[in-house]
Amino acid sequence: NSLHTNRLLERGSIRDTELTNFIASSEQDLGMIRQLNGLANYT
């Protein structure tokens, strides 16, 4: 669980930055949008 939550928190931080950049019009590729298919929840 410790490894799993650490990975999710790291990915969550990156995802938040990507969403913020996209909404602020500074994201210039479709990577963040494609990743909507791969959002992981804590199991």
PDB file of all heavy atoms in Angstrom:
ATOM      1  N   ASN A   1       0.826  -1.210   0.000  1.00  0.00           N
ATOM      2  CA  ASN A   1       0.000   0.000   0.000  1.00  0.00           C
ATOM      3  C   ASN A   1       0.857   1.257   0.000  1.00  0.00           C
ATOM      4  O   ASN A   1       0.505   2.264  -0.635  1.00  0.00           O
ATOM      5  CB  ASN A   1      -0.911   0.010   1.234  1.00  0.00           C
ATOM      6  CG  ASN A   1      -2.120  -0.886   1.062  1.00  0.00           C
ATOM      7  OD1 ASN A   1      -2.765  -0.864   0.033  1.00  0.00           O
ATOM      8  ND2 ASN A   1      -2.416  -1.686   2.066  1.00  0.00           N
ATOM      9  N   SER A   2       1.963   1.231   0.730  1.00  0.00           N
ATOM     10  CA  SER A   2       2.840   2.389   0.793  1.00  0.00           C
ATOM     11  C   SER A   2       3.397   2.721  -0.583  1.00  0.00           C
ATOM     12  O   SER A   2       3.387   3.889  -1.015  1.00  0.00           O
ATOM     13  CB  SER A   2       3.986   2.127   1.777  1.00  0.00           C
ATOM     14  OG  SER A   2       4.811   3.259   1.904  1.00  0.00           O
ATOM     15  N   LEU A   3       3.870   1.719  -1.298  1.00  0.00           N
ATOM     16  CA  LEU A   3       4.374   1.939  -2.658  1.00  0.00           C
ATOM     17  C   LEU A   3       3.264   2.429  -3.578  1.00  0.00           C
ATOM     18  O   LEU A   3       3.464   3.345  -4.389  1.00  0.00           O
ATOM     19  CB  LEU A   3       4.986   0.639  -3.204  1.00  0.00           C
ATOM     20  CG  LEU A   3       6.261   0.142  -2.527  1.00  0.00           C
ATOM     21  CD1 LEU A   3       6.643  -1.234  -3.062  1.00  0.00           C
ATOM     22  CD2 LEU A   3       7.400   1.123  -2.748  1.00  0.00           C
ATOM     23  N   HIS A   4       2.087   1.814  -3.440  1.00  0.00           N
ATOM     24  CA  HIS A   4       0.943   2.144  -4.302  1.00  0.00           C
ATOM     25  C   HIS A   4       0.503   3.588  -4.090  1.00  0.00           C
ATOM     26  O   HIS A   4       0.303   4.344  -5.060  1.00  0.00           O
ATOM     27  CB  HIS A   4      -0.202   1.175  -3.993  1.00  0.00           C
ATOM     28  CG  HIS A   4      -1.385   1.313  -4.889  1.00  0.00           C
ATOM     29  ND1 HIS A   4      -1.281   1.612  -6.234  1.00  0.00           N
ATOM     30  CD2 HIS A   4      -2.723   1.202  -4.632  1.00  0.00           C
ATOM     31  CE1 HIS A   4      -2.494   1.671  -6.770  1.00  0.00           C
ATOM     32  NE2 HIS A   4      -3.370   1.440  -5.814  1.00  0.00           N
ATOM     33  N   THR A   5       0.355   4.004  -2.844  1.00  0.00           N
ATOM     34  CA  THR A   5      -0.101   5.371  -2.572  1.00  0.00           C
ATOM     35  C   THR A   5       0.954   6.398  -2.993  1.00  0.00           C
ATOM     36  O   THR A   5       0.613   7.477  -3.495  1.00  0.00           O
ATOM     37  CB  THR A   5      -0.441   5.566  -1.080  1.00  0.00           C
ATOM     38  OG1 THR A   5       0.673   5.158  -0.269  1.00  0.00           O
ATOM     39  CG2 THR A   5      -1.675   4.757  -0.697  1.00  0.00           C
ATOM     40  N   ASN A   6       2.229   6.073  -2.809  1.00  0.00           N
ATOM     41  CA  ASN A   6       3.283   6.999  -3.239  1.00  0.00           C
ATOM     42  C   ASN A   6       3.225   7.222  -4.753  1.00  0.00           C
ATOM     43  O   ASN A   6       3.381   8.364  -5.225  1.00  0.00           O
ATOM     44  CB  ASN A   6       4.660   6.468  -2.838  1.00  0.00           C
ATOM     45  CG  ASN A   6       4.917   6.590  -1.346  1.00  0.00           C
ATOM     46  OD1 ASN A   6       4.260   7.359  -0.649  1.00  0.00           O
ATOM     47  ND2 ASN A   6       5.864   5.811  -0.846  1.00  0.00           N
ATOM     48  N   ARG A   7       3.016   6.143  -5.493  1.00  0.00           N
ATOM     49  CA  ARG A   7       2.913   6.279  -6.952  1.00  0.00           C
ATOM     50  C   ARG A   7       1.690   7.111  -7.340  1.00  0.00           C
ATOM     51  O   ARG A   7       1.764   7.972  -8.228  1.00  0.00           O
ATOM     52  CB  ARG A   7       2.845   4.895  -7.613  1.00  0.00           C
ATOM     53  CG  ARG A   7       4.176   4.159  -7.679  1.00  0.00           C
ATOM     54  CD  ARG A   7       4.114   2.992  -8.642  1.00  0.00           C
ATOM     55  NE  ARG A   7       3.180   1.982  -8.191  1.00  0.00           N
ATOM     56  CZ  ARG A   7       3.532   0.906  -7.477  1.00  0.00           C
ATOM     57  NH1 ARG A   7       4.795   0.733  -7.139  1.00  0.00           N
ATOM     58  NH2 ARG A   7       2.631   0.027  -7.120  1.00  0.00           N
ATOM     59  N   LEU A   8       0.564   6.842  -6.672  1.00  0.00           N
ATOM     60  CA  LEU A   8      -0.653   7.582  -6.993  1.00  0.00           C
ATOM     61  C   LEU A   8      -0.517   9.065  -6.661  1.00  0.00           C
ATOM     62  O   LEU A   8      -1.001   9.929  -7.406  1.00  0.00           O
ATOM     63  CB  LEU A   8      -1.847   6.983  -6.234  1.00  0.00           C
ATOM     64  CG  LEU A   8      -2.360   5.641  -6.734  1.00  0.00           C
ATOM     65  CD1 LEU A   8      -3.513   5.159  -5.860  1.00  0.00           C
ATOM     66  CD2 LEU A   8      -2.823   5.729  -8.187  1.00  0.00           C
ATOM     67  N   LEU A   9       0.134   9.379  -5.543  1.00  0.00           N
ATOM     68  CA  LEU A   9       0.322  10.786  -5.173  1.00  0.00           C
ATOM     69  C   LEU A   9       1.234  11.495  -6.167  1.00  0.00           C
ATOM     70  O   LEU A   9       0.992  12.658  -6.521  1.00  0.00           O
ATOM     71  CB  LEU A   9       0.906  10.874  -3.759  1.00  0.00           C
ATOM     72  CG  LEU A   9      -0.058  10.504  -2.622  1.00  0.00           C
ATOM     73  CD1 LEU A   9       0.684  10.440  -1.296  1.00  0.00           C
ATOM     74  CD2 LEU A   9      -1.204  11.518  -2.541  1.00  0.00           C
ATOM     75  N   GLU A  10       2.255  10.797  -6.622  1.00  0.00           N
ATOM     76  CA  GLU A  10       3.152  11.389  -7.623  1.00  0.00           C
ATOM     77  C   GLU A  10       2.400  11.640  -8.927  1.00  0.00           C
ATOM     78  O   GLU A  10       2.500  12.733  -9.514  1.00  0.00           O
ATOM     79  CB  GLU A  10       4.340  10.460  -7.858  1.00  0.00           C
ATOM     80  CG  GLU A  10       5.361  11.016  -8.849  1.00  0.00           C
ATOM     81  CD  GLU A  10       6.545  10.084  -9.043  1.00  0.00           C
ATOM     82  OE1 GLU A  10       6.647   9.086  -8.305  1.00  0.00           O
ATOM     83  OE2 GLU A  10       7.367  10.353  -9.932  1.00  0.00           O
ATOM     84  N   ARG A  11       1.637  10.642  -9.358  1.00  0.00           N
ATOM     85  CA  ARG A  11       0.856  10.800 -10.587  1.00  0.00           C
ATOM     86  C   ARG A  11      -0.208  11.869 -10.420  1.00  0.00           C
ATOM     87  O   ARG A  11      -0.500  12.626 -11.352  1.00  0.00           O
ATOM     88  CB  ARG A  11       0.216   9.458 -10.964  1.00  0.00           C
ATOM     89  CG  ARG A  11       1.208   8.424 -11.457  1.00  0.00           C
ATOM     90  CD  ARG A  11       0.590   7.059 -11.586  1.00  0.00           C
ATOM     91  NE  ARG A  11      -0.542   7.054 -12.497  1.00  0.00           N
ATOM     92  CZ  ARG A  11      -1.305   5.985 -12.710  1.00  0.00           C
ATOM     93  NH1 ARG A  11      -1.056   4.866 -12.056  1.00  0.00           N
ATOM     94  NH2 ARG A  11      -2.312   6.044 -13.545  1.00  0.00           N
ATOM     95  N   GLY A  12      -0.810  11.933  -9.229  1.00  0.00           N
ATOM     96  CA  GLY A  12      -1.843  12.938  -8.977  1.00  0.00           C
ATOM     97  C   GLY A  12      -1.299  14.352  -9.069  1.00  0.00           C
ATOM     98  O   GLY A  12      -1.966  15.257  -9.584  1.00  0.00           O
ATOM     99  N   SER A  13      -0.081  14.550  -8.564  1.00  0.00           N
ATOM    100  CA  SER A  13       0.541  15.864  -8.628  1.00  0.00           C
ATOM    101  C   SER A  13       0.817  16.265 -10.078  1.00  0.00           C
ATOM    102  O   SER A  13       0.560  17.414 -10.481  1.00  0.00           O
ATOM    103  CB  SER A  13       1.851  15.850  -7.828  1.00  0.00           C
ATOM    104  OG  SER A  13       2.518  17.081  -7.925  1.00  0.00           O
ATOM    105  N   ILE A  14       1.315  15.309 -10.850  1.00  0.00           N
ATOM    106  CA  ILE A  14       1.582  15.577 -12.270  1.00  0.00           C
ATOM    107  C   ILE A  14       0.278  15.869 -13.004  1.00  0.00           C
ATOM    108  O   ILE A  14       0.192  16.813 -13.806  1.00  0.00           O
ATOM    109  CB  ILE A  14       2.309  14.376 -12.911  1.00  0.00           C
ATOM    110  CG1 ILE A  14       3.703  14.217 -12.289  1.00  0.00           C
ATOM    111  CG2 ILE A  14       2.403  14.539 -14.424  1.00  0.00           C
ATOM    112  CD1 ILE A  14       4.421  12.948 -12.701  1.00  0.00           C
ATOM    113  N   ARG A  15      -0.753  15.066 -12.711  1.00  0.00           N
ATOM    114  CA  ARG A  15      -2.052  15.251 -13.370  1.00  0.00           C
ATOM    115  C   ARG A  15      -2.647  16.619 -13.048  1.00  0.00           C
ATOM    116  O   ARG A  15      -3.187  17.305 -13.935  1.00  0.00           O
ATOM    117  CB  ARG A  15      -3.003  14.136 -12.926  1.00  0.00           C
ATOM    118  CG  ARG A  15      -4.353  14.110 -13.612  1.00  0.00           C
ATOM    119  CD  ARG A  15      -4.255  13.732 -15.070  1.00  0.00           C
ATOM    120  NE  ARG A  15      -3.366  12.624 -15.338  1.00  0.00           N
ATOM    121  CZ  ARG A  15      -3.635  11.351 -15.048  1.00  0.00           C
ATOM    122  NH1 ARG A  15      -4.758  11.017 -14.463  1.00  0.00           N
ATOM    123  NH2 ARG A  15      -2.767  10.412 -15.351  1.00  0.00           N
ATOM    124  N   ASP A  16      -2.509  17.060 -11.810  1.00  0.00           N
ATOM    125  CA  ASP A  16      -3.045  18.364 -11.426  1.00  0.00           C
ATOM    126  C   ASP A  16      -2.338  19.481 -12.183  1.00  0.00           C
ATOM    127  O   ASP A  16      -2.977  20.436 -12.655  1.00  0.00           O
ATOM    128  CB  ASP A  16      -2.885  18.568  -9.922  1.00  0.00           C
ATOM    129  CG  ASP A  16      -3.460  19.893  -9.454  1.00  0.00           C
ATOM    130  OD1 ASP A  16      -4.664  20.126  -9.679  1.00  0.00           O
ATOM    131  OD2 ASP A  16      -2.710  20.690  -8.865  1.00  0.00           O
ATOM    132  N   THR A  17      -1.007  19.362 -12.314  1.00  0.00           N
ATOM    133  CA  THR A  17      -0.247  20.365 -13.070  1.00  0.00           C
ATOM    134  C   THR A  17      -0.676  20.381 -14.531  1.00  0.00           C
ATOM    135  O   THR A  17      -0.844  21.455 -15.133  1.00  0.00           O
ATOM    136  CB  THR A  17       1.264  20.076 -12.976  1.00  0.00           C
ATOM    137  OG1 THR A  17       1.657  20.122 -11.601  1.00  0.00           O
ATOM    138  CG2 THR A  17       2.070  21.080 -13.767  1.00  0.00           C
ATOM    139  N   GLU A  18      -0.878  19.186 -15.105  1.00  0.00           N
ATOM    140  CA  GLU A  18      -1.289  19.097 -16.503  1.00  0.00           C
ATOM    141  C   GLU A  18      -2.665  19.727 -16.718  1.00  0.00           C
ATOM    142  O   GLU A  18      -2.885  20.459 -17.695  1.00  0.00           O
ATOM    143  CB  GLU A  18      -1.298  17.639 -16.960  1.00  0.00           C
ATOM    144  CG  GLU A  18       0.097  17.024 -17.076  1.00  0.00           C
ATOM    145  CD  GLU A  18       0.052  15.537 -17.370  1.00  0.00           C
ATOM    146  OE1 GLU A  18      -1.007  14.918 -17.097  1.00  0.00           O
ATOM    147  OE2 GLU A  18       1.043  15.004 -17.868  1.00  0.00           O
ATOM    148  N   LEU A  19      -3.594  19.443 -15.817  1.00  0.00           N
ATOM    149  CA  LEU A  19      -4.933  20.018 -15.939  1.00  0.00           C
ATOM    150  C   LEU A  19      -4.883  21.538 -15.807  1.00  0.00           C
ATOM    151  O   LEU A  19      -5.549  22.264 -16.566  1.00  0.00           O
ATOM    152  CB  LEU A  19      -5.853  19.423 -14.873  1.00  0.00           C
ATOM    153  CG  LEU A  19      -6.323  17.984 -15.103  1.00  0.00           C
ATOM    154  CD1 LEU A  19      -6.948  17.414 -13.842  1.00  0.00           C
ATOM    155  CD2 LEU A  19      -7.324  17.926 -16.255  1.00  0.00           C
ATOM    156  N   THR A  20      -4.094  22.022 -14.851  1.00  0.00           N
ATOM    157  CA  THR A  20      -3.966  23.467 -14.662  1.00  0.00           C
ATOM    158  C   THR A  20      -3.377  24.121 -15.909  1.00  0.00           C
ATOM    159  O   THR A  20      -3.860  25.166 -16.370  1.00  0.00           O
ATOM    160  CB  THR A  20      -3.075  23.771 -13.442  1.00  0.00           C
ATOM    161  OG1 THR A  20      -3.686  23.219 -12.270  1.00  0.00           O
ATOM    162  CG2 THR A  20      -2.905  25.274 -13.245  1.00  0.00           C
ATOM    163  N   ASN A  21      -2.343  23.500 -16.470  1.00  0.00           N
ATOM    164  CA  ASN A  21      -1.712  24.045 -17.671  1.00  0.00           C
ATOM    165  C   ASN A  21      -2.664  24.030 -18.860  1.00  0.00           C
ATOM    166  O   ASN A  21      -2.688  24.968 -19.661  1.00  0.00           O
ATOM    167  CB  ASN A  21      -0.440  23.261 -18.010  1.00  0.00           C
ATOM    168  CG  ASN A  21       0.675  23.505 -17.017  1.00  0.00           C
ATOM    169  OD1 ASN A  21       0.659  24.492 -16.281  1.00  0.00           O
ATOM    170  ND2 ASN A  21       1.646  22.611 -16.985  1.00  0.00           N
ATOM    171  N   PHE A  22      -3.444  22.945 -18.956  1.00  0.00           N
ATOM    172  CA  PHE A  22      -4.381  22.868 -20.076  1.00  0.00           C
ATOM    173  C   PHE A  22      -5.429  23.969 -19.981  1.00  0.00           C
ATOM    174  O   PHE A  22      -5.718  24.677 -20.949  1.00  0.00           O
ATOM    175  CB  PHE A  22      -5.070  21.501 -20.096  1.00  0.00           C
ATOM    176  CG  PHE A  22      -6.085  21.378 -21.203  1.00  0.00           C
ATOM    177  CD1 PHE A  22      -5.693  20.978 -22.465  1.00  0.00           C
ATOM    178  CD2 PHE A  22      -7.414  21.696 -20.984  1.00  0.00           C
ATOM    179  CE1 PHE A  22      -6.623  20.885 -23.491  1.00  0.00           C
ATOM    180  CE2 PHE A  22      -8.352  21.604 -22.002  1.00  0.00           C
ATOM    181  CZ  PHE A  22      -7.954  21.192 -23.265  1.00  0.00           C
ATOM    182  N   ILE A  23      -6.004  24.120 -18.797  1.00  0.00           N
ATOM    183  CA  ILE A  23      -7.044  25.127 -18.607  1.00  0.00           C
ATOM    184  C   ILE A  23      -6.466  26.533 -18.815  1.00  0.00           C
ATOM    185  O   ILE A  23      -7.140  27.436 -19.314  1.00  0.00           O
ATOM    186  CB  ILE A  23      -7.668  24.981 -17.210  1.00  0.00           C
ATOM    187  CG1 ILE A  23      -8.428  23.641 -17.125  1.00  0.00           C
ATOM    188  CG2 ILE A  23      -8.605  26.144 -16.894  1.00  0.00           C
ATOM    189  CD1 ILE A  23      -8.880  23.270 -15.730  1.00  0.00           C
ATOM    190  N   ALA A  24      -5.178  26.715 -18.468  1.00  0.00           N
ATOM    191  CA  ALA A  24      -4.529  28.017 -18.631  1.00  0.00           C
ATOM    192  C   ALA A  24      -3.969  28.219 -20.038  1.00  0.00           C
ATOM    193  O   ALA A  24      -3.274  29.199 -20.301  1.00  0.00           O
ATOM    194  CB  ALA A  24      -3.402  28.161 -17.615  1.00  0.00           C
ATOM    195  N   SER A  25      -4.249  27.275 -20.944  1.00  0.00           N
ATOM    196  CA  SER A  25      -3.850  27.371 -22.356  1.00  0.00           C
ATOM    197  C   SER A  25      -2.349  27.266 -22.577  1.00  0.00           C
ATOM    198  O   SER A  25      -1.841  27.730 -23.602  1.00  0.00           O
ATOM    199  CB  SER A  25      -4.358  28.687 -22.974  1.00  0.00           C
ATOM    200  OG  SER A  25      -5.755  28.779 -22.877  1.00  0.00           O
ATOM    201  N   SER A  26      -1.619  26.678 -21.636  1.00  0.00           N
ATOM    202  CA  SER A  26      -0.181  26.529 -21.846  1.00  0.00           C
ATOM    203  C   SER A  26       0.209  25.114 -22.249  1.00  0.00           C
ATOM    204  O   SER A  26       1.364  24.850 -22.566  1.00  0.00           O
ATOM    205  CB  SER A  26       0.582  26.933 -20.580  1.00  0.00           C
ATOM    206  OG  SER A  26       0.178  26.136 -19.472  1.00  0.00           O
ATOM    207  N   GLU A  27      -0.748  24.194 -22.212  1.00  0.00           N
ATOM    208  CA  GLU A  27      -0.488  22.807 -22.633  1.00  0.00           C
ATOM    209  C   GLU A  27      -0.711  22.719 -24.140  1.00  0.00           C
ATOM    210  O   GLU A  27      -1.769  23.096 -24.657  1.00  0.00           O
ATOM    211  CB  GLU A  27      -1.423  21.852 -21.907  1.00  0.00           C
ATOM    212  CG  GLU A  27      -1.063  20.382 -22.068  1.00  0.00           C
ATOM    213  CD  GLU A  27       0.159  20.004 -21.250  1.00  0.00           C
ATOM    214  OE1 GLU A  27       0.323  20.515 -20.143  1.00  0.00           O
ATOM    215  OE2 GLU A  27       0.947  19.192 -21.751  1.00  0.00           O
ATOM    216  N   GLN A  28       0.287  22.201 -24.860  1.00  0.00           N
ATOM    217  CA  GLN A  28       0.230  22.246 -26.312  1.00  0.00           C
ATOM    218  C   GLN A  28       0.110  20.878 -26.985  1.00  0.00           C
ATOM    219  O   GLN A  28       0.203  20.791 -28.194  1.00  0.00           O
ATOM    220  CB  GLN A  28       1.486  22.961 -26.850  1.00  0.00           C
ATOM    221  CG  GLN A  28       1.606  24.410 -26.410  1.00  0.00           C
ATOM    222  CD  GLN A  28       0.393  25.248 -26.802  1.00  0.00           C
ATOM    223  OE1 GLN A  28      -0.124  25.128 -27.914  1.00  0.00           O
ATOM    224  NE2 GLN A  28      -0.081  26.066 -25.861  1.00  0.00           N
ATOM    225  N   ASP A  29      -0.080  19.819 -26.213  1.00  0.00           N
ATOM    226  CA  ASP A  29      -0.275  18.513 -26.841  1.00  0.00           C
ATOM    227  C   ASP A  29      -1.482  17.833 -26.218  1.00  0.00           C
ATOM    228  O   ASP A  29      -2.074  18.339 -25.266  1.00  0.00           O
ATOM    229  CB  ASP A  29       0.972  17.632 -26.723  1.00  0.00           C
ATOM    230  CG  ASP A  29       1.315  17.322 -25.270  1.00  0.00           C
ATOM    231  OD1 ASP A  29       0.468  16.684 -24.611  1.00  0.00           O
ATOM    232  OD2 ASP A  29       2.396  17.706 -24.809  1.00  0.00           O
ATOM    233  N   LEU A  30      -1.830  16.689 -26.774  1.00  0.00           N
ATOM    234  CA  LEU A  30      -3.059  15.994 -26.371  1.00  0.00           C
ATOM    235  C   LEU A  30      -2.803  14.934 -25.306  1.00  0.00           C
ATOM    236  O   LEU A  30      -3.707  14.158 -24.983  1.00  0.00           O
ATOM    237  CB  LEU A  30      -3.700  15.347 -27.604  1.00  0.00           C
ATOM    238  CG  LEU A  30      -4.123  16.323 -28.708  1.00  0.00           C
ATOM    239  CD1 LEU A  30      -4.556  15.555 -29.951  1.00  0.00           C
ATOM    240  CD2 LEU A  30      -5.242  17.225 -28.236  1.00  0.00           C
ATOM    241  N   GLY A  31      -1.600  14.890 -24.769  1.00  0.00           N
ATOM    242  CA  GLY A  31      -1.260  13.834 -23.822  1.00  0.00           C
ATOM    243  C   GLY A  31      -2.171  13.807 -22.610  1.00  0.00           C
ATOM    244  O   GLY A  31      -2.639  12.744 -22.189  1.00  0.00           O
ATOM    245  N   MET A  32      -2.442  14.978 -22.034  1.00  0.00           N
ATOM    246  CA  MET A  32      -3.276  15.023 -20.832  1.00  0.00           C
ATOM    247  C   MET A  32      -4.678  14.513 -21.117  1.00  0.00           C
ATOM    248  O   MET A  32      -5.251  13.757 -20.327  1.00  0.00           O
ATOM    249  CB  MET A  32      -3.333  16.457 -20.297  1.00  0.00           C
ATOM    250  CG  MET A  32      -4.070  16.612 -18.966  1.00  0.00           C
ATOM    251  SD  MET A  32      -5.873  16.688 -19.127  1.00  0.00           S
ATOM    252  CE  MET A  32      -6.049  18.167 -20.115  1.00  0.00           C
ATOM    253  N   ILE A  33      -5.235  14.911 -22.270  1.00  0.00           N
ATOM    254  CA  ILE A  33      -6.592  14.475 -22.606  1.00  0.00           C
ATOM    255  C   ILE A  33      -6.629  12.963 -22.792  1.00  0.00           C
ATOM    256  O   ILE A  33      -7.547  12.279 -22.326  1.00  0.00           O
ATOM    257  CB  ILE A  33      -7.084  15.181 -23.883  1.00  0.00           C
ATOM    258  CG1 ILE A  33      -7.078  16.708 -23.680  1.00  0.00           C
ATOM    259  CG2 ILE A  33      -8.487  14.714 -24.244  1.00  0.00           C
ATOM    260  CD1 ILE A  33      -7.977  17.188 -22.574  1.00  0.00           C
ATOM    261  N   ARG A  34      -5.613  12.423 -23.466  1.00  0.00           N
ATOM    262  CA  ARG A  34      -5.587  10.972 -23.663  1.00  0.00           C
ATOM    263  C   ARG A  34      -5.520  10.234 -22.327  1.00  0.00           C
ATOM    264  O   ARG A  34      -6.062   9.143 -22.183  1.00  0.00           O
ATOM    265  CB  ARG A  34      -4.379  10.591 -24.523  1.00  0.00           C
ATOM    266  CG  ARG A  34      -4.495  11.018 -25.988  1.00  0.00           C
ATOM    267  CD  ARG A  34      -3.521  10.228 -26.843  1.00  0.00           C
ATOM    268  NE  ARG A  34      -3.574  10.662 -28.220  1.00  0.00           N
ATOM    269  CZ  ARG A  34      -2.695  11.502 -28.776  1.00  0.00           C
ATOM    270  NH1 ARG A  34      -1.709  12.003 -28.037  1.00  0.00           N
ATOM    271  NH2 ARG A  34      -2.785  11.835 -30.034  1.00  0.00           N
ATOM    272  N   GLN A  35      -4.857  10.835 -21.350  1.00  0.00           N
ATOM    273  CA  GLN A  35      -4.687  10.160 -20.062  1.00  0.00           C
ATOM    274  C   GLN A  35      -5.992  10.061 -19.272  1.00  0.00           C
ATOM    275  O   GLN A  35      -6.038   9.371 -18.248  1.00  0.00           O
ATOM    276  CB  GLN A  35      -3.628  10.895 -19.228  1.00  0.00           C
ATOM    277  CG  GLN A  35      -2.218  10.699 -19.772  1.00  0.00           C
ATOM    278  CD  GLN A  35      -1.189  11.464 -18.972  1.00  0.00           C
ATOM    279  OE1 GLN A  35      -1.424  11.802 -17.813  1.00  0.00           O
ATOM    280  NE2 GLN A  35      -0.048  11.736 -19.568  1.00  0.00           N
ATOM    281  N   LEU A  36      -7.031  10.725 -19.724  1.00  0.00           N
ATOM    282  CA  LEU A  36      -8.321  10.575 -19.048  1.00  0.00           C
ATOM    283  C   LEU A  36      -8.790   9.128 -19.094  1.00  0.00           C
ATOM    284  O   LEU A  36      -9.584   8.688 -18.262  1.00  0.00           O
ATOM    285  CB  LEU A  36      -9.377  11.485 -19.690  1.00  0.00           C
ATOM    286  CG  LEU A  36      -9.181  12.987 -19.489  1.00  0.00           C
ATOM    287  CD1 LEU A  36     -10.227  13.765 -20.274  1.00  0.00           C
ATOM    288  CD2 LEU A  36      -9.241  13.347 -18.021  1.00  0.00           C
ATOM    289  N   ASN A  37      -8.299   8.378 -20.078  1.00  0.00           N
ATOM    290  CA  ASN A  37      -8.643   6.953 -20.158  1.00  0.00           C
ATOM    291  C   ASN A  37      -7.920   6.133 -19.099  1.00  0.00           C
ATOM    292  O   ASN A  37      -8.297   5.006 -18.819  1.00  0.00           O
ATOM    293  CB  ASN A  37      -8.277   6.405 -21.542  1.00  0.00           C
ATOM    294  CG  ASN A  37      -9.441   6.486 -22.508  1.00  0.00           C
ATOM    295  OD1 ASN A  37     -10.554   6.785 -22.104  1.00  0.00           O
ATOM    296  ND2 ASN A  37      -9.181   6.248 -23.776  1.00  0.00           N
ATOM    297  N   GLY A  38      -6.860   6.703 -18.522  1.00  0.00           N
ATOM    298  CA  GLY A  38      -6.038   5.896 -17.616  1.00  0.00           C
ATOM    299  C   GLY A  38      -6.024   6.382 -16.189  1.00  0.00           C
ATOM    300  O   GLY A  38      -5.085   6.084 -15.453  1.00  0.00           O
ATOM    301  N   LEU A  39      -7.051   7.144 -15.789  1.00  0.00           N
ATOM    302  CA  LEU A  39      -7.097   7.608 -14.409  1.00  0.00           C
ATOM    303  C   LEU A  39      -7.245   6.410 -13.474  1.00  0.00           C
ATOM    304  O   LEU A  39      -8.152   5.599 -13.634  1.00  0.00           O
ATOM    305  CB  LEU A  39      -8.262   8.582 -14.205  1.00  0.00           C
ATOM    306  CG  LEU A  39      -8.053   9.979 -14.795  1.00  0.00           C
ATOM    307  CD1 LEU A  39      -9.318  10.805 -14.599  1.00  0.00           C
ATOM    308  CD2 LEU A  39      -6.880  10.683 -14.142  1.00  0.00           C
ATOM    309  N   ALA A  40      -6.354   6.334 -12.508  1.00  0.00           N
ATOM    310  CA  ALA A  40      -6.366   5.189 -11.588  1.00  0.00           C
ATOM    311  C   ALA A  40      -6.899   5.604 -10.225  1.00  0.00           C
ATOM    312  O   ALA A  40      -6.598   6.679  -9.733  1.00  0.00           O
ATOM    313  CB  ALA A  40      -4.959   4.617 -11.440  1.00  0.00           C
ATOM    314  N   ASN A  41      -7.707   4.764  -9.627  1.00  0.00           N
ATOM    315  CA  ASN A  41      -8.191   4.983  -8.271  1.00  0.00           C
ATOM    316  C   ASN A  41      -7.411   4.104  -7.309  1.00  0.00           C
ATOM    317  O   ASN A  41      -6.788   3.123  -7.698  1.00  0.00           O
ATOM    318  CB  ASN A  41      -9.688   4.654  -8.182  1.00  0.00           C
ATOM    319  CG  ASN A  41     -10.522   5.580  -9.035  1.00  0.00           C
ATOM    320  OD1 ASN A  41     -10.599   6.770  -8.786  1.00  0.00           O
ATOM    321  ND2 ASN A  41     -11.141   5.026 -10.066  1.00  0.00           N
ATOM    322  N   TYR A  42      -7.486   4.482  -6.054  1.00  0.00           N
ATOM    323  CA  TYR A  42      -6.783   3.704  -5.031  1.00  0.00           C
ATOM    324  C   TYR A  42      -7.550   2.429  -4.725  1.00  0.00           C
ATOM    325  O   TYR A  42      -8.715   2.459  -4.330  1.00  0.00           O
ATOM    326  CB  TYR A  42      -6.633   4.544  -3.760  1.00  0.00           C
ATOM    327  CG  TYR A  42      -6.057   3.758  -2.608  1.00  0.00           C
ATOM    328  CD1 TYR A  42      -4.763   3.240  -2.690  1.00  0.00           C
ATOM    329  CD2 TYR A  42      -6.800   3.517  -1.464  1.00  0.00           C
ATOM    330  CE1 TYR A  42      -4.232   2.513  -1.648  1.00  0.00           C
ATOM    331  CE2 TYR A  42      -6.269   2.796  -0.411  1.00  0.00           C
ATOM    332  CZ  TYR A  42      -4.993   2.295  -0.513  1.00  0.00           C
ATOM    333  OH  TYR A  42      -4.458   1.563   0.518  1.00  0.00           O
ATOM    334  N   THR A  43      -6.890   1.304  -4.942  1.00  0.00           N
ATOM    335  CA  THR A  43      -7.444   0.001  -4.593  1.00  0.00           C
ATOM    336  C   THR A  43      -6.539  -0.616  -3.537  1.00  0.00           C
ATOM    337  O   THR A  43      -5.398  -0.988  -3.831  1.00  0.00           O
ATOM    338  CB  THR A  43      -7.523  -0.927  -5.816  1.00  0.00           C
ATOM    339  OG1 THR A  43      -8.287  -0.296  -6.843  1.00  0.00           O
ATOM    340  CG2 THR A  43      -8.168  -2.253  -5.434  1.00  0.00           C
TER     341      THR A  43
END
